[in-house]
Amino acid sequence: MRITVFGASGDVGSRVIDEALRRGHRVVAVARNAERLNTLPSEVEVRRGNAARPEDVAAASAGSDLVISATRPVPGREHELPEVAQALLEGLAHSGTRLLVVGGAGSLTPPGAELPLNQQPDFPAELLPIAEACDKQLTVFRAAQSGPVAWTYVSPSALLEPGERTGVFRLGKDELLTDDEGNSSISMEDLAVALLDEAETPRHHRTRFTVGY
């Protein structure tokens, strides 16, 4: 499979590339600053591109079976997330290429709660801008339910950080996954495993799913 990865220089994007190569896939790595991708293995095709520009999306994904978007805006530019979502849909509209997008956890509903995580009283105020941007990002995709792009949106657990690749995790839909102690977490490595599992065997069509321990 040929996979184009946007946000390839980021924490999640780099692990997606590692997992894709581990499974023998061909990878096109895309970042705004291609110099940040100089340390990738020689078999990875590196391109400079901006996922917020439909023409860049179309060019970088030409000939690919799947696009994985793992872009993450810097603080203060959270508004770019829904803009990127729209650009991805426009850039892939006539390609037949599937789209797998890494989003946020804020719109997941904790077990037994009526309101999503980002509307809970104890939700950290500093995370509200990115959480609200992820909500708008997801709204863009849900509005394209009957559109030409076969998209899937993936929400990680509340805590997403570097860790181990265990290959052992659970999948859910719109409810936050928690362990017996109420913790919600997933390593970036296992998130990448879940993404490549979905890439190889699509099970979630034009919908959102979540990953957690």
N, C-alpha and C. Protein backbone atom coordinates (compact mmCIF):
# COMPACT_ATOMS: atom_id res chain seq x y z
N MET A 1 0.84 -1.19 0.00
CA MET A 1 0.00 0.00 0.00
C MET A 1 0.88 1.25 0.00
N ARG A 2 0.47 2.26 -0.75
CA ARG A 2 1.18 3.53 -0.77
C ARG A 2 0.39 4.51 0.10
N ILE A 3 1.05 5.07 1.11
CA ILE A 3 0.40 5.91 2.10
C ILE A 3 1.08 7.27 2.16
N THR A 4 0.29 8.33 2.02
CA THR A 4 0.79 9.69 2.20
C THR A 4 0.47 10.15 3.60
N VAL A 5 1.47 10.67 4.31
CA VAL A 5 1.29 11.11 5.69
C VAL A 5 1.53 12.62 5.78
N PHE A 6 0.50 13.36 6.12
CA PHE A 6 0.63 14.79 6.40
C PHE A 6 0.90 14.96 7.90
N GLY A 7 1.71 15.96 8.23
CA GLY A 7 2.13 16.11 9.62
C GLY A 7 3.20 15.09 9.96
N ALA A 8 3.99 14.72 8.96
CA ALA A 8 4.95 13.63 9.11
C ALA A 8 6.07 13.93 10.10
N SER A 9 6.34 15.21 10.34
CA SER A 9 7.43 15.56 11.26
C SER A 9 6.97 15.62 12.72
N GLY A 10 5.67 15.45 12.97
CA GLY A 10 5.15 15.52 14.32
C GLY A 10 5.32 14.22 15.09
N ASP A 11 4.94 14.26 16.37
CA ASP A 11 5.10 13.09 17.24
C ASP A 11 4.29 11.90 16.74
N VAL A 12 3.03 12.14 16.39
CA VAL A 12 2.19 11.04 15.91
C VAL A 12 2.57 10.66 14.48
N GLY A 13 2.75 11.65 13.63
CA GLY A 13 3.08 11.38 12.23
C GLY A 13 4.34 10.55 12.08
N SER A 14 5.36 10.85 12.85
CA SER A 14 6.61 10.09 12.75
C SER A 14 6.42 8.64 13.16
N ARG A 15 5.56 8.41 14.14
CA ARG A 15 5.31 7.03 14.58
C ARG A 15 4.43 6.28 13.57
N VAL A 16 3.55 7.01 12.91
CA VAL A 16 2.77 6.40 11.84
C VAL A 16 3.69 5.92 10.72
N ILE A 17 4.67 6.74 10.39
CA ILE A 17 5.63 6.35 9.35
C ILE A 17 6.41 5.11 9.78
N ASP A 18 6.87 5.10 11.01
CA ASP A 18 7.61 3.93 11.51
C ASP A 18 6.77 2.66 11.42
N GLU A 19 5.50 2.77 11.81
CA GLU A 19 4.62 1.60 11.80
C GLU A 19 4.32 1.16 10.37
N ALA A 20 4.12 2.12 9.47
CA ALA A 20 3.85 1.78 8.07
C ALA A 20 5.04 1.07 7.44
N LEU A 21 6.25 1.57 7.71
CA LEU A 21 7.45 0.93 7.17
C LEU A 21 7.64 -0.45 7.76
N ARG A 22 7.35 -0.59 9.02
CA ARG A 22 7.46 -1.88 9.71
C ARG A 22 6.60 -2.94 9.02
N ARG A 23 5.48 -2.49 8.44
CA ARG A 23 4.55 -3.41 7.79
C ARG A 23 4.79 -3.53 6.28
N GLY A 24 5.82 -2.86 5.81
CA GLY A 24 6.19 -3.01 4.41
C GLY A 24 5.47 -2.10 3.44
N HIS A 25 4.84 -1.03 3.93
CA HIS A 25 4.14 -0.11 3.04
C HIS A 25 5.09 0.94 2.48
N ARG A 26 4.73 1.52 1.37
CA ARG A 26 5.47 2.65 0.81
C ARG A 26 4.91 3.93 1.39
N VAL A 27 5.77 4.86 1.74
CA VAL A 27 5.35 6.06 2.45
C VAL A 27 5.82 7.32 1.75
N VAL A 28 4.89 8.27 1.63
CA VAL A 28 5.21 9.63 1.20
C VAL A 28 5.01 10.52 2.42
N ALA A 29 6.09 11.12 2.91
CA ALA A 29 6.05 11.96 4.10
C ALA A 29 5.96 13.43 3.69
N VAL A 30 4.97 14.13 4.23
CA VAL A 30 4.73 15.51 3.84
C VAL A 30 4.77 16.42 5.07
N ALA A 31 5.48 17.53 4.95
CA ALA A 31 5.53 18.53 6.01
C ALA A 31 5.74 19.89 5.38
N ARG A 32 5.34 20.93 6.10
CA ARG A 32 5.56 22.29 5.59
C ARG A 32 7.05 22.57 5.47
N ASN A 33 7.79 22.08 6.44
CA ASN A 33 9.24 22.23 6.43
C ASN A 33 9.87 20.86 6.17
N ALA A 34 10.14 20.58 4.91
CA ALA A 34 10.64 19.27 4.54
C ALA A 34 12.00 18.96 5.15
N GLU A 35 12.76 19.99 5.53
CA GLU A 35 14.07 19.77 6.14
C GLU A 35 13.94 18.99 7.45
N ARG A 36 12.79 19.08 8.09
CA ARG A 36 12.58 18.37 9.35
C ARG A 36 12.44 16.87 9.13
N LEU A 37 12.37 16.46 7.87
CA LEU A 37 12.21 15.04 7.55
C LEU A 37 13.50 14.41 7.04
N ASN A 38 14.61 15.12 7.17
CA ASN A 38 15.88 14.65 6.61
C ASN A 38 16.39 13.36 7.26
N THR A 39 15.92 13.06 8.45
CA THR A 39 16.43 11.87 9.16
C THR A 39 15.62 10.62 8.86
N LEU A 40 14.59 10.73 8.01
CA LEU A 40 13.79 9.56 7.68
C LEU A 40 14.59 8.58 6.84
N PRO A 41 14.23 7.30 6.86
CA PRO A 41 14.91 6.30 6.03
C PRO A 41 14.84 6.68 4.56
N SER A 42 15.82 6.24 3.81
CA SER A 42 15.94 6.64 2.41
C SER A 42 14.77 6.17 1.55
N GLU A 43 14.07 5.11 1.98
CA GLU A 43 12.96 4.61 1.15
C GLU A 43 11.71 5.48 1.25
N VAL A 44 11.69 6.41 2.20
CA VAL A 44 10.54 7.31 2.35
C VAL A 44 10.67 8.46 1.36
N GLU A 45 9.62 8.71 0.62
CA GLU A 45 9.59 9.84 -0.30
C GLU A 45 9.18 11.08 0.47
N VAL A 46 10.02 12.09 0.47
CA VAL A 46 9.79 13.31 1.25
C VAL A 46 9.30 14.44 0.34
N ARG A 47 8.25 15.10 0.78
CA ARG A 47 7.72 16.23 0.01
C ARG A 47 7.38 17.39 0.94
N ARG A 48 7.55 18.58 0.41
CA ARG A 48 7.10 19.77 1.11
C ARG A 48 5.65 20.05 0.70
N GLY A 49 4.78 20.28 1.67
CA GLY A 49 3.39 20.53 1.34
C GLY A 49 2.63 21.04 2.55
N ASN A 50 1.55 21.75 2.28
CA ASN A 50 0.70 22.32 3.32
C ASN A 50 -0.68 21.68 3.20
N ALA A 51 -1.10 20.96 4.23
CA ALA A 51 -2.38 20.26 4.20
C ALA A 51 -3.56 21.20 4.16
N ALA A 52 -3.33 22.49 4.40
CA ALA A 52 -4.41 23.48 4.32
C ALA A 52 -4.64 23.97 2.90
N ARG A 53 -3.85 23.46 1.96
CA ARG A 53 -3.99 23.86 0.55
C ARG A 53 -4.44 22.64 -0.26
N PRO A 54 -5.66 22.67 -0.80
CA PRO A 54 -6.16 21.52 -1.55
C PRO A 54 -5.24 21.07 -2.67
N GLU A 55 -4.57 22.04 -3.33
CA GLU A 55 -3.69 21.66 -4.42
C GLU A 55 -2.48 20.87 -3.92
N ASP A 56 -1.98 21.20 -2.72
CA ASP A 56 -0.89 20.44 -2.14
C ASP A 56 -1.34 19.04 -1.75
N VAL A 57 -2.55 18.96 -1.21
CA VAL A 57 -3.11 17.65 -0.85
C VAL A 57 -3.21 16.76 -2.08
N ALA A 58 -3.75 17.32 -3.15
CA ALA A 58 -3.92 16.55 -4.39
C ALA A 58 -2.58 16.09 -4.94
N ALA A 59 -1.59 16.98 -4.95
CA ALA A 59 -0.30 16.65 -5.52
C ALA A 59 0.43 15.58 -4.70
N ALA A 60 0.42 15.74 -3.38
CA ALA A 60 1.16 14.81 -2.52
C ALA A 60 0.51 13.44 -2.43
N SER A 61 -0.80 13.38 -2.66
CA SER A 61 -1.51 12.11 -2.52
C SER A 61 -1.72 11.39 -3.84
N ALA A 62 -1.28 12.00 -4.94
CA ALA A 62 -1.46 11.37 -6.25
C ALA A 62 -0.81 9.99 -6.28
N GLY A 63 -1.56 8.98 -6.64
CA GLY A 63 -1.04 7.63 -6.71
C GLY A 63 -1.05 6.88 -5.39
N SER A 64 -1.52 7.51 -4.31
CA SER A 64 -1.56 6.84 -3.01
C SER A 64 -2.91 6.16 -2.79
N ASP A 65 -2.91 5.11 -2.01
CA ASP A 65 -4.13 4.41 -1.66
C ASP A 65 -4.82 5.06 -0.47
N LEU A 66 -4.03 5.72 0.35
CA LEU A 66 -4.55 6.26 1.61
C LEU A 66 -3.76 7.50 2.01
N VAL A 67 -4.47 8.47 2.57
CA VAL A 67 -3.84 9.62 3.21
C VAL A 67 -4.11 9.54 4.71
N ILE A 68 -3.07 9.70 5.50
CA ILE A 68 -3.22 9.82 6.95
C ILE A 68 -2.80 11.23 7.33
N SER A 69 -3.72 11.96 7.95
CA SER A 69 -3.42 13.32 8.39
C SER A 69 -3.23 13.34 9.90
N ALA A 70 -2.03 13.73 10.32
CA ALA A 70 -1.72 13.83 11.75
C ALA A 70 -1.20 15.22 12.06
N THR A 71 -1.78 16.22 11.38
CA THR A 71 -1.33 17.60 11.60
C THR A 71 -1.79 18.09 12.97
N ARG A 72 -0.99 18.96 13.56
CA ARG A 72 -1.31 19.52 14.88
C ARG A 72 -0.83 20.97 14.89
N PRO A 73 -1.74 21.94 14.93
CA PRO A 73 -1.32 23.35 14.88
C PRO A 73 -0.63 23.79 16.17
N VAL A 74 0.25 24.77 16.04
CA VAL A 74 0.89 25.33 17.22
C VAL A 74 -0.13 26.17 17.98
N PRO A 75 0.06 26.40 19.28
CA PRO A 75 -0.87 27.23 20.05
C PRO A 75 -1.08 28.59 19.39
N GLY A 76 -2.32 28.99 19.31
CA GLY A 76 -2.67 30.25 18.69
C GLY A 76 -3.15 30.09 17.26
N ARG A 77 -2.92 28.91 16.69
CA ARG A 77 -3.35 28.65 15.31
C ARG A 77 -4.30 27.45 15.24
N GLU A 78 -5.01 27.25 16.33
CA GLU A 78 -5.93 26.11 16.38
C GLU A 78 -7.00 26.18 15.29
N HIS A 79 -7.32 27.40 14.84
CA HIS A 79 -8.34 27.56 13.81
C HIS A 79 -7.98 26.84 12.51
N GLU A 80 -6.73 26.44 12.37
CA GLU A 80 -6.30 25.78 11.14
C GLU A 80 -6.89 24.37 11.01
N LEU A 81 -7.26 23.74 12.11
CA LEU A 81 -7.73 22.36 12.04
C LEU A 81 -8.95 22.18 11.14
N PRO A 82 -10.03 22.94 11.34
CA PRO A 82 -11.16 22.78 10.42
C PRO A 82 -10.83 23.23 9.00
N GLU A 83 -9.92 24.18 8.86
CA GLU A 83 -9.50 24.60 7.52
C GLU A 83 -8.77 23.47 6.81
N VAL A 84 -7.91 22.78 7.53
CA VAL A 84 -7.21 21.63 6.97
C VAL A 84 -8.19 20.52 6.62
N ALA A 85 -9.17 20.30 7.48
CA ALA A 85 -10.18 19.27 7.20
C ALA A 85 -10.86 19.53 5.87
N GLN A 86 -11.26 20.77 5.64
CA GLN A 86 -11.93 21.11 4.39
C GLN A 86 -10.99 20.96 3.20
N ALA A 87 -9.74 21.36 3.38
CA ALA A 87 -8.76 21.25 2.30
C ALA A 87 -8.48 19.80 1.94
N LEU A 88 -8.43 18.94 2.94
CA LEU A 88 -8.21 17.51 2.68
C LEU A 88 -9.37 16.94 1.85
N LEU A 89 -10.59 17.29 2.23
CA LEU A 89 -11.75 16.80 1.49
C LEU A 89 -11.75 17.32 0.06
N GLU A 90 -11.39 18.58 -0.11
CA GLU A 90 -11.37 19.15 -1.46
C GLU A 90 -10.24 18.55 -2.30
N GLY A 91 -9.07 18.40 -1.67
CA GLY A 91 -7.93 17.88 -2.40
C GLY A 91 -8.06 16.44 -2.82
N LEU A 92 -8.87 15.67 -2.09
CA LEU A 92 -9.03 14.25 -2.38
C LEU A 92 -10.35 13.94 -3.09
N ALA A 93 -11.13 14.96 -3.38
CA ALA A 93 -12.50 14.77 -3.87
C ALA A 93 -12.59 13.94 -5.13
N HIS A 94 -11.61 14.03 -6.00
CA HIS A 94 -11.69 13.34 -7.29
C HIS A 94 -10.64 12.23 -7.42
N SER A 95 -10.09 11.80 -6.29
CA SER A 95 -8.97 10.87 -6.34
C SER A 95 -9.33 9.42 -6.05
N GLY A 96 -10.39 9.21 -5.29
CA GLY A 96 -10.71 7.86 -4.84
C GLY A 96 -9.82 7.39 -3.70
N THR A 97 -8.99 8.27 -3.18
CA THR A 97 -8.07 7.93 -2.09
C THR A 97 -8.78 8.04 -0.74
N ARG A 98 -8.60 7.03 0.10
CA ARG A 98 -9.20 7.06 1.43
C ARG A 98 -8.45 8.05 2.33
N LEU A 99 -9.15 8.51 3.37
CA LEU A 99 -8.59 9.50 4.29
C LEU A 99 -8.78 9.05 5.72
N LEU A 100 -7.70 9.06 6.48
CA LEU A 100 -7.70 8.70 7.90
C LEU A 100 -7.13 9.88 8.67
N VAL A 101 -7.91 10.44 9.58
CA VAL A 101 -7.54 11.69 10.26
C VAL A 101 -7.41 11.48 11.76
N VAL A 102 -6.30 11.94 12.32
CA VAL A 102 -6.10 11.91 13.76
C VAL A 102 -6.68 13.19 14.35
N GLY A 103 -7.67 13.06 15.20
CA GLY A 103 -8.32 14.21 15.81
C GLY A 103 -8.04 14.32 17.29
N GLY A 104 -9.04 14.79 18.03
CA GLY A 104 -8.87 15.01 19.46
C GLY A 104 -9.85 14.20 20.29
N ALA A 105 -9.62 14.20 21.61
CA ALA A 105 -10.45 13.41 22.53
C ALA A 105 -11.55 14.21 23.19
N GLY A 106 -11.51 15.55 23.06
CA GLY A 106 -12.43 16.40 23.81
C GLY A 106 -13.89 16.15 23.55
N SER A 107 -14.24 15.68 22.37
CA SER A 107 -15.65 15.46 22.04
C SER A 107 -16.15 14.09 22.47
N LEU A 108 -15.28 13.27 23.04
CA LEU A 108 -15.71 11.97 23.57
C LEU A 108 -16.44 12.17 24.89
N THR A 109 -17.43 11.35 25.16
CA THR A 109 -18.22 11.47 26.38
C THR A 109 -17.72 10.48 27.43
N PRO A 110 -17.35 10.96 28.63
CA PRO A 110 -16.90 10.05 29.68
C PRO A 110 -18.00 9.06 30.06
N PRO A 111 -17.63 7.87 30.52
CA PRO A 111 -18.63 6.88 30.92
C PRO A 111 -19.61 7.44 31.95
N GLY A 112 -20.89 7.28 31.69
CA GLY A 112 -21.92 7.72 32.62
C GLY A 112 -22.24 9.20 32.57
N ALA A 113 -21.54 9.96 31.74
CA ALA A 113 -21.77 11.41 31.66
C ALA A 113 -22.71 11.72 30.50
N GLU A 114 -23.32 12.90 30.56
CA GLU A 114 -24.19 13.36 29.49
C GLU A 114 -23.48 14.30 28.54
N LEU A 115 -22.48 15.02 29.07
CA LEU A 115 -21.75 16.00 28.27
C LEU A 115 -20.37 15.47 27.90
N PRO A 116 -19.83 15.91 26.77
CA PRO A 116 -18.49 15.46 26.36
C PRO A 116 -17.41 15.96 27.31
N LEU A 117 -16.25 15.38 27.14
CA LEU A 117 -15.11 15.67 28.02
C LEU A 117 -14.80 17.16 28.09
N ASN A 118 -14.81 17.85 26.95
CA ASN A 118 -14.43 19.26 26.95
C ASN A 118 -15.49 20.19 27.52
N GLN A 119 -16.63 19.62 27.93
CA GLN A 119 -17.65 20.42 28.60
C GLN A 119 -17.79 20.05 30.07
N GLN A 120 -16.88 19.22 30.55
CA GLN A 120 -16.88 18.88 31.97
C GLN A 120 -16.27 20.03 32.78
N PRO A 121 -16.74 20.25 34.00
CA PRO A 121 -16.27 21.40 34.80
C PRO A 121 -14.77 21.41 35.05
N ASP A 122 -14.15 20.24 35.11
CA ASP A 122 -12.73 20.18 35.44
C ASP A 122 -11.84 20.10 34.19
N PHE A 123 -12.41 20.33 33.01
CA PHE A 123 -11.58 20.28 31.81
C PHE A 123 -10.61 21.45 31.81
N PRO A 124 -9.31 21.21 31.59
CA PRO A 124 -8.30 22.28 31.67
C PRO A 124 -8.58 23.41 30.67
N ALA A 125 -8.59 24.63 31.19
CA ALA A 125 -8.91 25.79 30.34
C ALA A 125 -7.89 25.96 29.22
N GLU A 126 -6.64 25.61 29.48
CA GLU A 126 -5.60 25.80 28.46
C GLU A 126 -5.77 24.85 27.27
N LEU A 127 -6.57 23.80 27.46
CA LEU A 127 -6.79 22.86 26.37
C LEU A 127 -8.07 23.14 25.59
N LEU A 128 -8.85 24.11 26.04
CA LEU A 128 -10.12 24.39 25.37
C LEU A 128 -9.95 24.83 23.91
N PRO A 129 -8.97 25.70 23.59
CA PRO A 129 -8.85 26.11 22.18
C PRO A 129 -8.62 24.94 21.22
N ILE A 130 -7.74 24.02 21.57
CA ILE A 130 -7.49 22.90 20.68
C ILE A 130 -8.67 21.93 20.69
N ALA A 131 -9.32 21.77 21.84
CA ALA A 131 -10.48 20.87 21.92
C ALA A 131 -11.63 21.40 21.07
N GLU A 132 -11.87 22.69 21.15
CA GLU A 132 -12.95 23.28 20.36
C GLU A 132 -12.63 23.23 18.87
N ALA A 133 -11.35 23.40 18.52
CA ALA A 133 -10.95 23.30 17.11
C ALA A 133 -11.15 21.88 16.60
N CYS A 134 -10.87 20.90 17.43
CA CYS A 134 -11.09 19.51 17.04
C CYS A 134 -12.58 19.22 16.85
N ASP A 135 -13.42 19.84 17.69
CA ASP A 135 -14.86 19.70 17.51
C ASP A 135 -15.28 20.20 16.12
N LYS A 136 -14.76 21.36 15.74
CA LYS A 136 -15.10 21.94 14.44
C LYS A 136 -14.53 21.08 13.31
N GLN A 137 -13.35 20.51 13.55
CA GLN A 137 -12.74 19.61 12.58
C GLN A 137 -13.65 18.41 12.32
N LEU A 138 -14.13 17.80 13.38
CA LEU A 138 -15.01 16.65 13.25
C LEU A 138 -16.32 17.03 12.57
N THR A 139 -16.82 18.23 12.87
CA THR A 139 -18.06 18.70 12.26
C THR A 139 -17.91 18.80 10.74
N VAL A 140 -16.74 19.24 10.27
CA VAL A 140 -16.49 19.34 8.84
C VAL A 140 -16.63 17.96 8.19
N PHE A 141 -16.05 16.96 8.81
CA PHE A 141 -16.11 15.62 8.23
C PHE A 141 -17.53 15.06 8.29
N ARG A 142 -18.21 15.25 9.39
CA ARG A 142 -19.57 14.73 9.49
C ARG A 142 -20.51 15.39 8.49
N ALA A 143 -20.22 16.63 8.15
CA ALA A 143 -21.02 17.32 7.13
C ALA A 143 -20.77 16.75 5.74
N ALA A 144 -19.66 16.02 5.58
CA ALA A 144 -19.32 15.41 4.29
C ALA A 144 -19.69 13.93 4.26
N GLN A 145 -20.69 13.58 5.04
CA GLN A 145 -21.09 12.18 5.17
C GLN A 145 -21.41 11.53 3.83
N SER A 146 -22.03 12.29 2.94
CA SER A 146 -22.42 11.74 1.64
C SER A 146 -21.50 12.21 0.52
N GLY A 147 -20.37 12.80 0.89
CA GLY A 147 -19.44 13.31 -0.11
C GLY A 147 -18.62 12.22 -0.75
N PRO A 148 -17.72 12.60 -1.66
CA PRO A 148 -16.96 11.61 -2.43
C PRO A 148 -15.79 10.98 -1.69
N VAL A 149 -15.37 11.56 -0.57
CA VAL A 149 -14.19 11.06 0.13
C VAL A 149 -14.57 10.06 1.22
N ALA A 150 -13.95 8.90 1.20
CA ALA A 150 -14.15 7.89 2.24
C ALA A 150 -13.24 8.21 3.41
N TRP A 151 -13.77 8.93 4.41
CA TRP A 151 -12.97 9.42 5.53
C TRP A 151 -13.24 8.59 6.79
N THR A 152 -12.26 8.60 7.68
CA THR A 152 -12.41 8.04 9.02
C THR A 152 -11.68 8.96 9.99
N TYR A 153 -12.32 9.25 11.12
CA TYR A 153 -11.77 10.17 12.11
C TYR A 153 -11.43 9.37 13.36
N VAL A 154 -10.22 9.53 13.86
CA VAL A 154 -9.76 8.76 15.01
C VAL A 154 -9.48 9.69 16.19
N SER A 155 -10.18 9.44 17.29
CA SER A 155 -9.93 10.18 18.52
C SER A 155 -9.09 9.32 19.46
N PRO A 156 -7.93 9.81 19.88
CA PRO A 156 -7.16 9.07 20.88
C PRO A 156 -7.81 9.21 22.24
N SER A 157 -7.26 8.55 23.23
CA SER A 157 -7.72 8.72 24.60
C SER A 157 -7.29 10.08 25.13
N ALA A 158 -7.74 10.41 26.34
CA ALA A 158 -7.48 11.73 26.91
C ALA A 158 -5.98 12.01 27.03
N LEU A 159 -5.21 11.00 27.43
CA LEU A 159 -3.77 11.16 27.57
C LEU A 159 -3.09 10.43 26.42
N LEU A 160 -2.43 11.21 25.57
CA LEU A 160 -1.69 10.67 24.44
C LEU A 160 -0.25 11.11 24.57
N GLU A 161 0.65 10.16 24.76
CA GLU A 161 2.04 10.51 24.97
C GLU A 161 2.94 9.38 24.46
N PRO A 162 4.24 9.67 24.27
CA PRO A 162 5.16 8.63 23.85
C PRO A 162 5.17 7.48 24.86
N GLY A 163 5.34 6.27 24.36
CA GLY A 163 5.34 5.11 25.25
C GLY A 163 5.77 3.87 24.53
N GLU A 164 5.15 2.75 24.85
CA GLU A 164 5.51 1.46 24.28
C GLU A 164 4.53 1.05 23.20
N ARG A 165 5.03 0.27 22.27
CA ARG A 165 4.18 -0.37 21.27
C ARG A 165 3.80 -1.75 21.80
N THR A 166 2.60 -1.87 22.33
CA THR A 166 2.16 -3.14 22.89
C THR A 166 1.27 -3.91 21.92
N GLY A 167 0.54 -3.18 21.07
CA GLY A 167 -0.42 -3.81 20.18
C GLY A 167 -1.67 -4.29 20.89
N VAL A 168 -1.80 -3.94 22.16
CA VAL A 168 -2.96 -4.36 22.96
C VAL A 168 -3.72 -3.12 23.39
N PHE A 169 -4.92 -2.95 22.89
CA PHE A 169 -5.74 -1.78 23.21
C PHE A 169 -7.18 -2.09 22.86
N ARG A 170 -8.06 -1.17 23.18
CA ARG A 170 -9.48 -1.33 22.87
C ARG A 170 -9.91 -0.25 21.89
N LEU A 171 -10.96 -0.55 21.15
CA LEU A 171 -11.57 0.42 20.25
C LEU A 171 -12.97 0.75 20.75
N GLY A 172 -13.36 2.00 20.53
CA GLY A 172 -14.71 2.43 20.89
C GLY A 172 -15.23 3.37 19.83
N LYS A 173 -16.35 4.00 20.14
CA LYS A 173 -16.94 4.91 19.16
C LYS A 173 -16.93 6.35 19.68
N ASP A 174 -17.92 6.73 20.46
CA ASP A 174 -18.03 8.11 20.91
C ASP A 174 -17.86 8.27 22.41
N GLU A 175 -17.63 7.17 23.11
CA GLU A 175 -17.45 7.22 24.56
C GLU A 175 -15.98 7.09 24.91
N LEU A 176 -15.52 7.94 25.82
CA LEU A 176 -14.13 7.91 26.28
C LEU A 176 -13.83 6.55 26.91
N LEU A 177 -12.75 5.93 26.47
CA LEU A 177 -12.34 4.65 27.03
C LEU A 177 -11.49 4.88 28.28
N THR A 178 -11.84 4.22 29.36
CA THR A 178 -11.10 4.36 30.61
C THR A 178 -10.81 2.98 31.20
N ASP A 179 -9.76 2.93 32.05
CA ASP A 179 -9.46 1.68 32.71
C ASP A 179 -10.24 1.58 34.02
N ASP A 180 -9.95 0.57 34.82
CA ASP A 180 -10.70 0.34 36.05
C ASP A 180 -10.55 1.48 37.05
N GLU A 181 -9.48 2.26 36.91
CA GLU A 181 -9.25 3.38 37.83
C GLU A 181 -9.72 4.70 37.25
N GLY A 182 -10.34 4.65 36.10
CA GLY A 182 -10.87 5.86 35.49
C GLY A 182 -9.88 6.61 34.62
N ASN A 183 -8.69 6.03 34.41
CA ASN A 183 -7.69 6.69 33.57
C ASN A 183 -7.96 6.40 32.10
N SER A 184 -7.68 7.40 31.27
CA SER A 184 -7.88 7.26 29.83
C SER A 184 -6.57 7.59 29.13
N SER A 185 -5.96 6.60 28.50
CA SER A 185 -4.65 6.83 27.89
C SER A 185 -4.40 5.88 26.73
N ILE A 186 -3.48 6.29 25.88
CA ILE A 186 -2.97 5.46 24.79
C ILE A 186 -1.60 6.00 24.42
N SER A 187 -0.66 5.13 24.13
CA SER A 187 0.65 5.59 23.69
C SER A 187 0.57 5.99 22.22
N MET A 188 1.45 6.88 21.81
CA MET A 188 1.50 7.27 20.40
C MET A 188 1.85 6.08 19.53
N GLU A 189 2.66 5.19 20.06
CA GLU A 189 3.05 4.00 19.32
C GLU A 189 1.85 3.10 19.06
N ASP A 190 1.00 2.90 20.07
CA ASP A 190 -0.17 2.05 19.88
C ASP A 190 -1.26 2.75 19.07
N LEU A 191 -1.31 4.06 19.14
CA LEU A 191 -2.22 4.79 18.27
C LEU A 191 -1.83 4.55 16.81
N ALA A 192 -0.54 4.56 16.54
CA ALA A 192 -0.06 4.28 15.19
C ALA A 192 -0.43 2.87 14.76
N VAL A 193 -0.35 1.91 15.67
CA VAL A 193 -0.76 0.53 15.36
C VAL A 193 -2.23 0.50 14.97
N ALA A 194 -3.06 1.19 15.76
CA ALA A 194 -4.50 1.21 15.47
C ALA A 194 -4.78 1.87 14.12
N LEU A 195 -4.04 2.92 13.81
CA LEU A 195 -4.23 3.60 12.53
C LEU A 195 -3.87 2.70 11.36
N LEU A 196 -2.77 1.98 11.46
CA LEU A 196 -2.37 1.09 10.37
C LEU A 196 -3.26 -0.14 10.31
N ASP A 197 -3.80 -0.57 11.44
CA ASP A 197 -4.79 -1.65 11.40
C ASP A 197 -6.00 -1.22 10.57
N GLU A 198 -6.46 0.00 10.83
CA GLU A 198 -7.60 0.53 10.09
C GLU A 198 -7.25 0.75 8.62
N ALA A 199 -6.02 1.16 8.37
CA ALA A 199 -5.58 1.36 7.00
C ALA A 199 -5.63 0.06 6.21
N GLU A 200 -5.18 -1.02 6.84
CA GLU A 200 -5.10 -2.31 6.15
C GLU A 200 -6.45 -3.02 6.09
N THR A 201 -7.24 -2.87 7.14
CA THR A 201 -8.56 -3.52 7.20
C THR A 201 -9.59 -2.49 7.64
N PRO A 202 -10.13 -1.71 6.71
CA PRO A 202 -11.08 -0.64 7.07
C PRO A 202 -12.34 -1.22 7.71
N ARG A 203 -12.65 -0.68 8.89
CA ARG A 203 -13.86 -1.11 9.59
C ARG A 203 -14.76 0.06 9.96
N HIS A 204 -14.24 1.25 9.83
CA HIS A 204 -15.00 2.45 10.23
C HIS A 204 -15.12 3.36 9.02
N HIS A 205 -16.31 3.45 8.49
CA HIS A 205 -16.54 4.17 7.25
C HIS A 205 -17.33 5.46 7.50
N ARG A 206 -16.71 6.59 7.18
CA ARG A 206 -17.33 7.90 7.36
C ARG A 206 -17.88 8.06 8.78
N THR A 207 -17.04 7.69 9.73
CA THR A 207 -17.42 7.80 11.13
C THR A 207 -16.17 8.00 11.98
N ARG A 208 -16.38 8.16 13.27
CA ARG A 208 -15.28 8.34 14.23
C ARG A 208 -15.16 7.09 15.10
N PHE A 209 -13.92 6.74 15.42
CA PHE A 209 -13.71 5.72 16.45
C PHE A 209 -12.60 6.21 17.37
N THR A 210 -12.50 5.59 18.53
CA THR A 210 -11.48 5.98 19.51
C THR A 210 -10.66 4.76 19.90
N VAL A 211 -9.48 5.04 20.46
CA VAL A 211 -8.50 4.01 20.83
C VAL A 211 -8.05 4.27 22.26
N GLY A 212 -8.00 3.24 23.06
CA GLY A 212 -7.52 3.40 24.43
C GLY A 212 -7.23 2.07 25.09
N TYR A 213 -6.59 2.14 26.25
CA TYR A 213 -6.28 0.92 27.00
C TYR A 213 -7.45 0.53 27.89
